Protein backbone atom coordinates (compact mmCIF):
# COMPACT_ATOMS: atom_id res chain seq x y z
CA MET A 1 -13.02 47.15 12.40
CA LYS A 2 -14.93 43.89 12.08
CA LYS A 3 -15.67 44.64 8.41
CA PHE A 4 -12.02 45.45 7.77
CA THR A 5 -10.91 42.16 9.39
CA THR A 6 -13.40 40.19 7.29
CA LEU A 7 -12.19 41.84 4.09
CA LEU A 8 -8.58 41.20 5.05
CA LEU A 9 -9.26 37.53 5.66
CA LEU A 10 -11.09 37.24 2.34
CA GLY A 11 -8.18 38.92 0.60
CA LEU A 12 -5.68 36.53 2.17
CA LEU A 13 -7.82 33.57 1.16
CA MET A 14 -7.97 34.82 -2.43
CA VAL A 15 -4.19 35.27 -2.53
CA ALA A 16 -3.65 31.75 -1.14
CA TRP A 17 -6.12 30.32 -3.68
CA ASN A 18 -4.40 32.10 -6.56
CA VAL A 19 -0.95 30.92 -5.44
CA ASN A 20 -2.24 27.35 -5.22
CA ALA A 21 -3.89 27.61 -8.64
CA GLN A 22 -0.58 28.65 -10.20
CA HIS A 23 0.84 25.23 -9.36
CA LEU A 24 -2.12 23.19 -10.62
CA ASN A 25 -1.90 21.11 -13.78
CA LYS A 26 1.79 21.84 -14.31
CA LEU A 27 4.96 19.77 -14.38
CA THR A 28 8.16 20.66 -12.61
CA GLN A 29 11.39 20.61 -14.57
CA GLN A 30 12.39 17.47 -12.70
CA GLU A 31 9.16 15.74 -13.74
CA ILE A 32 9.73 16.77 -17.34
CA ASP A 33 13.26 15.37 -17.19
CA GLU A 34 11.88 12.11 -15.73
CA GLY A 35 9.48 11.70 -18.66
CA TRP A 36 6.17 12.77 -17.13
CA GLU A 37 3.42 14.03 -19.45
CA LEU A 38 0.41 16.17 -18.51
CA LEU A 39 -2.93 14.73 -19.61
CA PHE A 40 -4.79 17.91 -18.62
CA ASP A 41 -3.50 21.48 -18.56
CA GLY A 42 -6.46 23.02 -16.73
CA LYS A 43 -7.75 24.75 -19.86
CA SER A 44 -8.42 22.15 -22.53
CA MET A 45 -9.50 18.51 -22.74
CA GLU A 46 -7.75 18.04 -26.07
CA LYS A 47 -5.98 14.88 -24.90
CA TRP A 48 -9.31 13.16 -24.17
CA ARG A 49 -12.43 12.04 -25.99
CA CYS A 50 -15.54 10.10 -25.08
CA TYR A 51 -15.40 6.34 -25.50
CA LYS A 52 -16.08 5.43 -29.13
CA LYS A 53 -16.52 9.10 -30.04
CA ASP A 54 -14.18 11.66 -31.56
CA LYS A 55 -14.71 14.40 -28.96
CA VAL A 56 -15.60 15.07 -25.34
CA GLN A 57 -19.23 15.78 -24.55
CA GLY A 58 -21.06 16.37 -21.28
CA TRP A 59 -17.92 17.28 -19.29
CA VAL A 60 -16.89 20.80 -18.29
CA ILE A 61 -13.76 22.46 -16.93
CA GLU A 62 -14.38 23.94 -13.48
CA GLU A 63 -12.04 24.90 -10.62
CA HIS A 64 -9.07 23.99 -12.85
CA ALA A 65 -10.45 20.44 -13.10
CA MET A 66 -12.29 18.21 -15.57
CA LYS A 67 -15.79 17.65 -14.22
CA ALA A 68 -18.52 15.16 -14.95
CA GLN A 69 -21.51 17.24 -13.89
CA GLY A 70 -23.77 14.47 -12.67
CA LEU A 71 -27.50 14.12 -13.07
CA PRO A 72 -29.82 15.94 -13.78
CA HIS A 73 -27.38 17.93 -15.94
CA GLY A 74 -26.85 14.89 -18.13
CA GLN A 75 -24.41 12.02 -18.39
CA GLY A 76 -21.71 12.75 -20.93
CA GLY A 77 -20.21 9.29 -20.86
CA ASP A 78 -16.82 7.88 -19.93
CA ILE A 79 -13.81 9.63 -21.40
CA ILE A 80 -10.56 8.03 -22.57
CA SER A 81 -7.07 9.28 -23.28
CA LYS A 82 -6.38 9.68 -26.98
CA GLU A 83 -3.03 7.97 -26.50
CA ILE A 84 -2.51 4.29 -25.68
CA TYR A 85 -0.33 3.18 -22.77
CA GLY A 86 1.22 -0.16 -21.81
CA ASP A 87 3.51 0.06 -18.76
CA PHE A 88 3.04 3.36 -16.95
CA GLU A 89 2.76 5.31 -13.72
CA LEU A 90 -0.34 7.50 -13.49
CA TYR A 91 -1.01 10.18 -10.88
CA LEU A 92 -4.07 12.36 -10.46
CA GLU A 93 -6.17 14.17 -7.88
CA TRP A 94 -9.89 13.52 -7.58
CA LYS A 95 -12.97 14.72 -5.73
CA LEU A 96 -16.54 13.39 -5.79
CA GLY A 97 -19.96 14.73 -5.00
CA GLU A 98 -22.22 13.22 -2.35
CA ARG A 99 -23.01 9.53 -3.01
CA ALA A 100 -21.09 9.68 -6.28
CA ASN A 101 -19.36 6.73 -7.89
CA SER A 102 -16.58 6.84 -10.48
CA GLY A 103 -13.42 5.03 -11.50
CA ILE A 104 -10.08 5.11 -13.28
CA PHE A 105 -9.50 2.41 -15.91
CA PHE A 106 -6.44 1.29 -17.84
CA HIS A 107 -5.72 -0.86 -20.92
CA VAL A 108 -9.15 0.08 -22.28
CA VAL A 109 -9.77 -1.15 -25.82
CA GLU A 110 -12.36 0.01 -28.35
CA ALA A 111 -13.81 -2.77 -30.49
CA ASP A 112 -17.24 -3.73 -31.79
CA GLU A 113 -17.65 -6.45 -29.18
CA TYR A 114 -17.05 -4.08 -26.25
CA GLY A 115 -19.75 -1.62 -25.29
CA ALA A 116 -18.12 0.07 -22.31
CA VAL A 117 -14.70 0.84 -20.85
CA TYR A 118 -15.16 -1.72 -18.04
CA HIS A 119 -15.52 -4.57 -20.54
CA THR A 120 -11.74 -4.47 -21.00
CA GLY A 121 -10.13 -2.16 -18.44
CA PRO A 122 -9.48 -3.03 -14.79
CA GLU A 123 -10.88 -0.30 -12.54
CA TYR A 124 -9.40 1.71 -9.70
CA GLN A 125 -12.62 2.41 -7.83
CA LEU A 126 -13.61 5.91 -6.68
CA LEU A 127 -16.55 6.28 -4.31
CA ASP A 128 -18.11 8.42 -1.62
CA ASP A 129 -17.27 5.70 0.91
CA VAL A 130 -19.15 7.49 3.69
CA GLY A 131 -22.28 8.21 1.68
CA VAL A 132 -22.43 4.70 0.21
CA PRO A 133 -21.33 2.54 3.17
CA GLN A 134 -23.22 -0.54 2.00
CA SER A 135 -21.00 -0.94 -1.04
CA GLY A 136 -18.60 -3.36 0.68
CA PRO A 137 -14.78 -3.48 0.68
CA LEU A 138 -14.49 -4.74 -2.92
CA HIS A 139 -16.17 -1.50 -4.01
CA ASP A 140 -14.42 0.95 -1.67
CA SER A 141 -12.19 3.70 -3.02
CA GLY A 142 -8.84 2.35 -4.17
CA ALA A 143 -10.13 -1.17 -4.83
CA ASN A 144 -9.49 -3.11 -8.00
CA TYR A 145 -13.23 -3.03 -8.47
CA ASP A 146 -14.97 -6.26 -7.42
CA VAL A 147 -11.69 -8.21 -7.39
CA HIS A 148 -9.22 -6.83 -4.82
CA PRO A 149 -10.28 -4.76 -1.78
CA PRO A 150 -8.11 -1.84 -0.60
CA ILE A 151 -6.05 -2.41 2.54
CA PHE A 152 -6.07 0.48 5.05
CA GLY A 153 -7.43 2.91 2.48
CA GLN A 154 -9.02 6.13 3.69
CA VAL A 155 -10.67 8.89 1.68
CA LYS A 156 -10.90 12.52 2.74
CA THR A 157 -14.07 14.50 3.33
CA LEU A 158 -16.07 15.43 0.23
CA ASP A 159 -14.75 19.01 0.15
CA GLU A 160 -11.12 17.85 -0.05
CA TRP A 161 -9.05 16.48 -2.92
CA ASN A 162 -7.75 12.90 -2.80
CA THR A 163 -4.74 11.55 -4.68
CA ALA A 164 -4.61 8.35 -6.71
CA LYS A 165 -1.65 6.60 -8.28
CA ILE A 166 -1.61 3.50 -10.46
CA ILE A 167 1.57 1.71 -11.47
CA VAL A 168 1.39 -0.97 -14.17
CA LYS A 169 4.49 -2.86 -15.20
CA GLY A 170 3.91 -6.06 -17.12
CA ALA A 171 1.43 -8.11 -15.11
CA HIS A 172 2.14 -6.24 -11.87
CA VAL A 173 -0.31 -3.55 -10.71
CA GLU A 174 -0.22 -1.26 -7.67
CA HIS A 175 -2.89 1.17 -6.42
CA TYR A 176 -2.10 4.08 -4.10
CA LEU A 177 -4.70 6.18 -2.29
CA ASN A 178 -3.60 9.42 -0.62
CA GLY A 179 0.01 8.28 -0.65
CA ARG A 180 -0.59 4.80 0.80
CA LYS A 181 -0.37 1.56 -1.18
CA VAL A 182 -3.78 -0.08 -0.83
CA VAL A 183 -3.83 -2.75 -3.57
CA GLU A 184 -1.15 -4.89 -5.21
CA TYR A 185 -1.69 -7.80 -7.57
CA ASP A 186 -0.38 -9.66 -10.59
CA MET A 187 -2.69 -10.21 -13.54
CA TRP A 188 -3.11 -13.57 -15.29
CA THR A 189 -1.85 -15.73 -12.41
CA ASP A 190 -3.87 -18.68 -11.09
CA GLU A 191 -4.85 -16.64 -8.02
CA TRP A 192 -5.93 -13.68 -10.14
CA THR A 193 -7.95 -15.94 -12.46
CA GLU A 194 -9.75 -17.49 -9.50
CA LEU A 195 -10.60 -14.06 -8.06
CA LYS A 196 -11.79 -12.83 -11.46
CA ASN A 197 -13.98 -15.90 -11.92
CA ASN A 198 -15.62 -15.18 -8.58
CA SER A 199 -16.37 -11.58 -9.50
CA LYS A 200 -18.82 -9.88 -11.85
CA TRP A 201 -16.14 -10.21 -14.59
CA LYS A 202 -16.48 -14.01 -14.69
CA ASN A 203 -18.01 -13.97 -18.17
CA ALA A 204 -16.24 -10.84 -19.43
CA ALA A 205 -13.84 -12.35 -21.97
CA GLY A 206 -12.11 -9.03 -22.67
CA TYR A 207 -11.56 -7.98 -19.06
CA ALA A 208 -7.82 -7.31 -18.42
CA LYS A 209 -7.06 -9.25 -21.59
CA TYR A 210 -4.92 -6.58 -23.22
CA LYS A 211 -1.41 -5.39 -22.37
CA GLU A 212 -1.99 -1.84 -23.55
CA GLY A 213 -4.88 0.51 -24.10
CA HIS A 214 -6.42 3.83 -23.16
CA ILE A 215 -6.73 5.42 -19.72
CA ALA A 216 -10.40 6.08 -18.91
CA LEU A 217 -12.31 8.19 -16.38
CA GLN A 218 -15.87 7.20 -15.60
CA ASP A 219 -19.01 9.31 -15.74
CA HIS A 220 -21.35 7.26 -13.55
CA GLY A 221 -24.04 9.94 -13.26
CA GLY A 222 -22.60 11.62 -10.14
CA ILE A 223 -20.31 14.62 -9.79
CA SER A 224 -16.66 13.66 -10.25
CA MET A 225 -13.69 15.97 -10.71
CA PHE A 226 -10.10 15.32 -11.82
CA ARG A 227 -7.00 17.51 -11.94
CA ASN A 228 -3.19 17.31 -11.94
CA ILE A 229 -3.42 14.29 -14.24
CA LYS A 230 0.03 13.15 -15.29
CA ILE A 231 1.51 9.95 -16.64
CA LYS A 232 4.95 8.48 -17.23
CA LYS A 233 5.66 5.55 -19.52
CA LEU A 234 7.79 2.85 -17.89
């Protein structure tokens, strides 16, 4: 009887997992009508490539998600969307490994003078906040990395998926973490310039300089996973 109960529970869990998987990396008809676009369909990374490369390397697709495998498997490098976006709303779900660090960037530009995505793109920080408690609020998940700390942000346990949303319209930027707005700011104002000049981007001439560019996901050497990635131009 005990064996039968165990098998029944396992069967129910498999059914629930399969039902959930059917809804991953898909758009509803309403989302399609509203102009949303999938950046990942759960099967192919054809809408992405590594920064300054023509293909994706070092990332795999696992659990219906794009995964940076983390060391010692190798660091594939940051990936960017093939398409360029100006004003947009971006939504995705993310999960990190223990003590992992990653980020979502926007308005990323490729040019000879820029060697990394963070030289141009502001970063929505992703972090194992519990495993790296010494990072400080400017580096907590949801922060505009090293410039604006998240307000009342809270990540889930490492085995659960978090949600992130970024809205960019002109100079105005909003960050949402698990459904809660945690950061809001306007680029290029006197206040923003002062905060930037007191951050590690003080001498980064290209940081947040551009009004359009690629979306980027960071491979920082730890395990990071992304799914249900969708974007709408505003």
